[in-house]
Amino acid sequence: MRSPRFKKWFAGLPALNQPQRRQVLEALRPAAGLDQLLTLLDRLRAERRCPACASPHWQRHGQANGLQRYRCRDCRRTFNDLSGTPLARLRLREKWIDYLGALLDSLSVRSSAERAGVHRNTAFRWRHRFLAQVKHDRPQRLHGILEADEMFLLESQKGARQLTRPARKRGGTAHRRGISRDLDCILVARDRSGQTFDAVTGRGALKTAQLERHLLPLLDPQVLLVTDANAAYRSFSRCHGIAHQSVNLRAGERVRRSSEGAIHVQNVNAYHRRLRDWLMRFHGVASRYLPNYLGWRRALDGGRISSADELLRLAIKPIHSER
């Protein structure tokens, strides 16, 4: 629109009634969302690397499909702001900001679709595209007093086209009593500074080999591991020379004082409770998507990620927070 025509149109805005103003705002909302998204991507430009060779040396190379393109000065490959990320080739970019807000509010698939103005199937696919890198945002090192404990969720094949077991109605219950192969085991470790690590270790009871694979690489040499009386933690600590203290919850022991500090697993158990309560709003989570939901909850816990800018940064490139 040419400037004189725009000025004439703009001068007539005060004469609009309330329904007309709402119609204009709804019409402009996608464009405003796209502009906000491009602004967020521009802020990440200093961190950009070539997706082919990871070189930080690049130059602008025109535009395509509304995105700035770049050419790597080392390998001469071209790329754009989203190349090499889970969001590459994802359409309807003007609606991403609204959808990021839905993720921050932990909305269901249908509620997210309604807020962003997309189909519910699109909202479901977007959820796991945006969370594909979020699940890798874990602390690089766990320090000080570290509480560790496992929690269990009923294995779910929700959404699967072919089941490997008889179907259960409305979630159902495990076929075997106690801790069995019908349950997904989630290991959660949390130090006293608030850094949290979690992982789906498999089905059934926790094993020492699973602790070695998931937890051992993150432990500081001077860490004090505090757990319940599960023998797997005791065996794991003895094999690798890790300082270990345990509390006997079955005997009613909750807190014990020692020279290292208060010995308890209340922080990690409180995280378990928050995670269970948060998962209830989704009415069942498929086991294959469980790592995505764990990363989503970990990002939101304690307000660590509180804006669309931070969530977009996390979706494009993992960041490690020392908070």
Protein backbone atom coordinates (compact mmCIF):
# COMPACT_ATOMS: atom_id res chain seq x y z
CA MET A 1 0.00 0.00 0.00
CA ARG A 2 1.35 3.40 -0.99
CA SER A 3 1.93 5.99 1.73
CA PRO A 4 -0.97 8.40 0.88
CA ARG A 5 -3.45 5.54 0.77
CA PHE A 6 -2.11 4.13 4.03
CA LYS A 7 -2.40 7.52 5.74
CA LYS A 8 -6.00 7.81 4.63
CA TRP A 9 -6.78 4.30 5.87
CA PHE A 10 -4.99 4.91 9.14
CA ALA A 11 -6.83 8.20 9.75
CA GLY A 12 -10.13 6.33 9.57
CA LEU A 13 -9.30 3.87 12.37
CA PRO A 14 -10.79 5.99 15.21
CA ALA A 15 -14.18 5.85 13.48
CA LEU A 16 -14.32 2.04 13.70
CA ASN A 17 -16.75 0.50 16.18
CA GLN A 18 -15.71 -2.20 18.63
CA PRO A 19 -16.48 -5.26 16.43
CA GLN A 20 -14.61 -3.65 13.53
CA ARG A 21 -11.59 -2.91 15.74
CA ARG A 22 -11.53 -6.52 16.87
CA GLN A 23 -11.70 -7.68 13.26
CA VAL A 24 -8.75 -5.47 12.34
CA LEU A 25 -6.72 -6.72 15.31
CA GLU A 26 -7.43 -10.37 14.45
CA ALA A 27 -6.41 -9.71 10.84
CA LEU A 28 -3.11 -8.11 11.95
CA ARG A 29 -2.32 -10.69 14.64
CA PRO A 30 -0.59 -13.24 12.35
CA ALA A 31 1.65 -10.55 10.83
CA ALA A 32 2.51 -9.26 14.30
CA GLY A 33 3.36 -12.80 15.41
CA LEU A 34 5.63 -13.31 12.41
CA ASP A 35 7.42 -10.01 13.06
CA GLN A 36 7.94 -11.00 16.71
CA LEU A 37 9.30 -14.39 15.67
CA LEU A 38 11.76 -12.84 13.22
CA THR A 39 12.91 -10.46 15.95
CA LEU A 40 13.56 -13.40 18.27
CA LEU A 41 15.50 -15.23 15.56
CA ASP A 42 17.54 -12.10 14.93
CA ARG A 43 18.60 -12.03 18.59
CA LEU A 44 20.02 -15.54 18.20
CA ARG A 45 22.10 -14.58 15.18
CA ALA A 46 25.31 -14.13 17.20
CA GLU A 47 25.13 -17.78 18.29
CA ARG A 48 24.52 -19.14 14.80
CA ARG A 49 26.72 -21.90 13.42
CA CYS A 50 26.77 -23.61 10.05
CA PRO A 51 24.65 -26.79 10.39
CA ALA A 52 26.99 -28.65 8.02
CA CYS A 53 30.43 -27.91 9.55
CA ALA A 54 29.61 -25.94 12.75
CA SER A 55 31.69 -23.00 11.57
CA PRO A 56 30.85 -19.60 13.14
CA HIS A 57 32.00 -17.80 9.96
CA TRP A 58 29.12 -16.96 7.63
CA GLN A 59 27.78 -14.15 5.49
CA ARG A 60 24.31 -13.04 4.45
CA HIS A 61 23.10 -14.65 1.25
CA GLY A 62 19.71 -13.22 0.33
CA GLN A 63 16.28 -14.24 1.59
CA ALA A 64 13.87 -17.07 0.84
CA ASN A 65 10.43 -17.93 2.20
CA GLY A 66 10.54 -14.97 4.55
CA LEU A 67 13.79 -16.04 6.25
CA GLN A 68 17.30 -14.66 6.00
CA ARG A 69 19.72 -17.02 4.26
CA TYR A 70 23.43 -17.36 4.96
CA ARG A 71 26.48 -18.86 3.25
CA CYS A 72 29.22 -20.55 5.25
CA ARG A 73 32.63 -19.08 4.45
CA ASP A 74 34.35 -22.39 5.14
CA CYS A 75 32.26 -25.11 3.45
CA ARG A 76 30.25 -22.72 1.18
CA ARG A 77 26.96 -24.41 2.11
CA THR A 78 23.88 -22.20 2.43
CA PHE A 79 21.35 -22.28 5.27
CA ASN A 80 18.69 -20.18 6.96
CA ASP A 81 17.74 -19.31 10.54
CA LEU A 82 16.08 -22.71 11.12
CA SER A 83 18.29 -25.08 9.13
CA GLY A 84 19.47 -28.07 11.14
CA THR A 85 16.83 -27.56 13.85
CA PRO A 86 13.61 -29.52 14.55
CA LEU A 87 11.69 -26.45 13.34
CA ALA A 88 13.14 -26.53 9.82
CA ARG A 89 10.45 -26.55 7.10
CA LEU A 90 7.71 -26.08 9.69
CA ARG A 91 4.96 -23.87 8.26
CA LEU A 92 2.59 -21.24 9.69
CA ARG A 93 5.46 -19.44 11.41
CA GLU A 94 3.19 -16.47 12.14
CA LYS A 95 1.37 -18.68 14.69
CA TRP A 96 4.43 -19.97 16.53
CA ILE A 97 4.46 -17.23 19.18
CA ASP A 98 0.90 -18.04 20.21
CA TYR A 99 1.78 -21.72 20.32
CA LEU A 100 4.89 -21.07 22.43
CA GLY A 101 2.61 -19.27 24.86
CA ALA A 102 0.40 -22.36 24.99
CA LEU A 103 3.45 -24.49 25.83
CA LEU A 104 4.43 -22.09 28.61
CA ASP A 105 0.90 -22.42 30.00
CA SER A 106 0.99 -26.25 29.69
CA LEU A 107 -2.23 -26.35 27.70
CA SER A 108 -3.72 -29.53 26.25
CA VAL A 109 -3.50 -30.30 22.54
CA ARG A 110 -7.01 -29.05 21.82
CA SER A 111 -6.61 -25.89 23.91
CA SER A 112 -3.24 -25.18 22.23
CA ALA A 113 -4.81 -25.65 18.81
CA GLU A 114 -7.60 -23.24 19.69
CA ARG A 115 -5.19 -20.58 20.95
CA ALA A 116 -2.89 -20.81 17.93
CA GLY A 117 -5.68 -21.21 15.39
CA VAL A 118 -4.45 -24.52 13.94
CA HIS A 119 -5.83 -28.06 13.67
CA ARG A 120 -5.42 -30.31 16.70
CA ASN A 121 -3.22 -32.72 14.71
CA THR A 122 -0.95 -29.81 13.82
CA ALA A 123 -0.83 -28.78 17.49
CA PHE A 124 0.21 -32.32 18.46
CA ARG A 125 2.98 -32.48 15.85
CA TRP A 126 4.20 -29.02 16.82
CA ARG A 127 4.35 -30.01 20.49
CA HIS A 128 6.91 -32.71 19.83
CA ARG A 129 8.84 -30.70 17.25
CA PHE A 130 9.27 -27.86 19.75
CA LEU A 131 10.16 -30.28 22.55
CA ALA A 132 12.60 -32.41 20.53
CA GLN A 133 15.61 -30.40 21.73
CA VAL A 134 14.14 -29.28 25.06
CA LYS A 135 14.50 -32.81 26.45
CA HIS A 136 18.30 -32.54 26.01
CA ASP A 137 18.55 -29.45 28.22
CA ARG A 138 20.10 -31.09 31.26
CA PRO A 139 22.76 -29.86 33.70
CA GLN A 140 26.28 -30.84 32.74
CA ARG A 141 27.34 -31.48 36.35
CA LEU A 142 25.58 -32.19 39.64
CA HIS A 143 27.26 -30.92 42.79
CA GLY A 144 27.08 -31.01 46.58
CA ILE A 145 24.29 -33.00 48.21
CA LEU A 146 22.43 -34.87 45.48
CA GLU A 147 19.06 -36.50 46.13
CA ALA A 148 18.04 -39.34 43.81
CA ASP A 149 14.91 -41.44 43.66
CA GLU A 150 12.83 -43.21 41.06
CA MET A 151 9.14 -42.95 40.26
CA PHE A 152 6.96 -45.24 38.16
CA LEU A 153 4.23 -44.63 35.60
CA LEU A 154 2.05 -47.24 33.95
CA GLU A 155 3.41 -48.12 30.51
CA SER A 156 1.26 -46.58 27.78
CA GLN A 157 0.95 -47.23 24.05
CA LYS A 158 -1.47 -44.35 23.59
CA GLY A 159 -1.81 -43.48 19.89
CA ALA A 160 -0.04 -46.61 18.62
CA ARG A 161 -1.55 -48.25 15.56
CA GLN A 162 -0.55 -51.73 16.71
CA LEU A 163 -0.40 -52.78 20.36
CA THR A 164 2.07 -55.32 21.74
CA ARG A 165 -0.37 -56.27 24.53
CA PRO A 166 -4.16 -56.40 25.06
CA ALA A 167 -5.77 -52.97 25.11
CA ARG A 168 -6.60 -51.33 28.43
CA LYS A 169 -9.72 -49.24 28.87
CA ARG A 170 -9.19 -45.68 30.16
CA GLY A 171 -5.60 -46.28 31.20
CA GLY A 172 -6.31 -49.43 33.19
CA THR A 173 -4.01 -51.00 35.78
CA ALA A 174 -0.90 -53.15 35.71
CA HIS A 175 -1.40 -56.89 35.24
CA ARG A 176 1.19 -57.69 37.94
CA ARG A 177 1.45 -56.41 41.47
CA GLY A 178 4.29 -54.22 42.70
CA ILE A 179 7.13 -52.95 40.54
CA SER A 180 6.99 -54.92 37.30
CA ARG A 181 7.63 -54.68 33.56
CA ASP A 182 4.23 -53.00 33.25
CA LEU A 183 5.71 -49.78 34.67
CA ASP A 184 8.08 -47.19 33.17
CA CYS A 185 10.87 -46.26 35.57
CA ILE A 186 11.82 -42.56 35.74
CA LEU A 187 15.04 -41.68 37.56
CA VAL A 188 15.14 -38.17 39.03
CA ALA A 189 18.24 -36.64 40.63
CA ARG A 190 18.19 -33.15 42.11
CA ASP A 191 20.94 -31.30 43.95
CA ARG A 192 20.35 -28.69 46.63
CA SER A 193 20.98 -25.82 44.17
CA GLY A 194 17.87 -26.87 42.22
CA GLN A 195 19.54 -28.48 39.20
CA THR A 196 17.46 -31.43 38.05
CA PHE A 197 18.30 -34.49 35.96
CA ASP A 198 15.75 -37.06 34.87
CA ALA A 199 15.72 -40.01 32.50
CA VAL A 200 13.48 -42.89 31.50
CA THR A 201 15.65 -45.86 32.43
CA GLY A 202 13.37 -48.59 31.09
CA ARG A 203 10.68 -50.92 32.42
CA GLY A 204 10.61 -52.40 35.90
CA ALA A 205 12.88 -51.93 38.89
CA LEU A 206 15.94 -49.71 38.74
CA LYS A 207 19.23 -51.53 38.14
CA THR A 208 22.83 -50.60 38.93
CA ALA A 209 23.73 -50.70 35.22
CA GLN A 210 21.08 -48.08 34.50
CA LEU A 211 22.53 -45.78 37.17
CA GLU A 212 25.97 -46.21 35.60
CA ARG A 213 24.65 -45.34 32.16
CA HIS A 214 22.47 -42.36 33.07
CA LEU A 215 23.69 -40.85 36.35
CA LEU A 216 27.41 -41.59 36.67
CA PRO A 217 28.63 -39.23 33.88
CA LEU A 218 27.02 -36.23 35.63
CA LEU A 219 28.34 -36.73 39.15
CA ASP A 220 30.96 -34.42 40.63
CA PRO A 221 33.74 -36.43 42.37
CA GLN A 222 32.89 -34.77 45.70
CA VAL A 223 29.14 -35.31 45.48
CA LEU A 224 27.18 -36.83 48.36
CA LEU A 225 24.45 -39.11 47.03
CA VAL A 226 21.35 -39.27 49.25
CA THR A 227 18.71 -41.91 48.43
CA ASP A 228 16.19 -44.23 50.02
CA ALA A 229 17.13 -47.77 51.02
CA ASN A 230 17.05 -49.18 47.46
CA ALA A 231 19.95 -51.64 47.16
CA ALA A 232 20.76 -50.49 43.60
CA TYR A 233 22.02 -47.11 44.88
CA ARG A 234 24.14 -48.76 47.57
CA SER A 235 25.73 -51.14 45.07
CA PHE A 236 26.28 -48.32 42.55
CA SER A 237 27.97 -46.08 45.16
CA ARG A 238 30.19 -48.87 46.46
CA CYS A 239 31.38 -49.84 42.96
CA HIS A 240 32.38 -46.29 42.01
CA GLY A 241 33.58 -44.90 45.33
CA ILE A 242 30.76 -42.36 45.69
CA ALA A 243 29.85 -41.01 49.12
CA HIS A 244 26.39 -42.29 49.92
CA GLN A 245 23.80 -41.81 52.63
CA SER A 246 20.35 -43.37 52.76
CA VAL A 247 17.15 -42.83 54.70
CA ASN A 248 14.84 -45.69 55.58
CA LEU A 249 11.44 -44.33 54.57
CA ARG A 250 9.64 -47.58 55.38
CA ALA A 251 10.81 -47.31 58.98
CA GLY A 252 9.42 -43.80 59.19
CA GLU A 253 12.78 -42.03 58.90
CA ARG A 254 12.37 -38.73 57.03
CA VAL A 255 15.30 -36.52 58.00
CA ARG A 256 18.64 -37.30 59.64
CA ARG A 257 21.27 -34.81 60.70
CA SER A 258 24.92 -35.37 59.83
CA SER A 259 28.16 -33.43 59.47
CA GLU A 260 27.44 -33.02 55.72
CA GLY A 261 24.01 -31.46 56.35
CA ALA A 262 20.39 -32.62 56.43
CA ILE A 263 20.01 -36.09 54.97
CA HIS A 264 16.63 -36.51 53.26
CA VAL A 265 15.02 -37.01 49.84
CA GLN A 266 12.21 -34.51 50.31
CA ASN A 267 13.31 -32.23 47.43
CA VAL A 268 13.27 -34.99 44.85
CA ASN A 269 10.02 -36.44 46.21
CA ALA A 270 8.41 -33.00 46.00
CA TYR A 271 9.53 -32.85 42.37
CA HIS A 272 7.90 -36.25 41.81
CA ARG A 273 4.64 -34.91 43.21
CA ARG A 274 4.74 -31.79 41.03
CA LEU A 275 5.50 -33.92 37.97
CA ARG A 276 2.62 -36.32 38.64
CA ASP A 277 0.16 -33.49 39.23
CA TRP A 278 1.31 -31.74 36.04
CA LEU A 279 1.00 -34.90 33.92
CA MET A 280 -2.59 -35.48 35.04
CA ARG A 281 -3.86 -32.65 32.83
CA PHE A 282 -2.86 -34.63 29.71
CA HIS A 283 -4.97 -37.69 30.66
CA GLY A 284 -2.20 -40.16 29.93
CA VAL A 285 1.15 -39.78 28.19
CA ALA A 286 2.47 -42.33 25.69
CA SER A 287 5.68 -44.00 26.87
CA ARG A 288 7.48 -43.16 23.63
CA TYR A 289 6.88 -39.43 24.22
CA LEU A 290 7.67 -39.48 27.93
CA PRO A 291 11.21 -37.97 27.56
CA ASN A 292 9.68 -34.95 25.78
CA TYR A 293 7.26 -34.35 28.63
CA LEU A 294 10.03 -34.72 31.21
CA GLY A 295 12.08 -32.07 29.40
CA TRP A 296 9.01 -29.82 29.12
CA ARG A 297 8.33 -30.05 32.86
CA ARG A 298 12.01 -29.56 33.73
CA ALA A 299 12.10 -26.37 31.66
CA LEU A 300 9.04 -24.95 33.41
CA ASP A 301 9.88 -26.03 36.95
CA GLY A 302 10.56 -23.09 39.23
CA GLY A 303 9.97 -20.60 36.40
CA ARG A 304 13.37 -21.39 34.82
CA ILE A 305 11.89 -20.81 31.35
CA SER A 306 9.27 -18.08 31.50
CA SER A 307 9.14 -16.40 28.06
CA ALA A 308 8.64 -17.32 24.41
CA ASP A 309 12.14 -16.00 23.68
CA GLU A 310 13.78 -18.47 26.09
CA LEU A 311 11.61 -21.38 24.96
CA LEU A 312 12.38 -20.70 21.29
CA ARG A 313 16.11 -20.57 22.09
CA LEU A 314 15.77 -23.90 23.87
CA ALA A 315 13.81 -25.45 20.97
CA ILE A 316 16.45 -24.38 18.44
CA LYS A 317 19.57 -25.04 20.47
CA PRO A 318 19.95 -26.68 23.90
CA ILE A 319 21.19 -24.45 26.72
CA HIS A 320 22.46 -25.55 30.13
CA SER A 321 21.37 -23.48 33.09
CA GLU A 322 23.47 -23.33 36.25
CA ARG A 323 20.54 -22.02 38.31
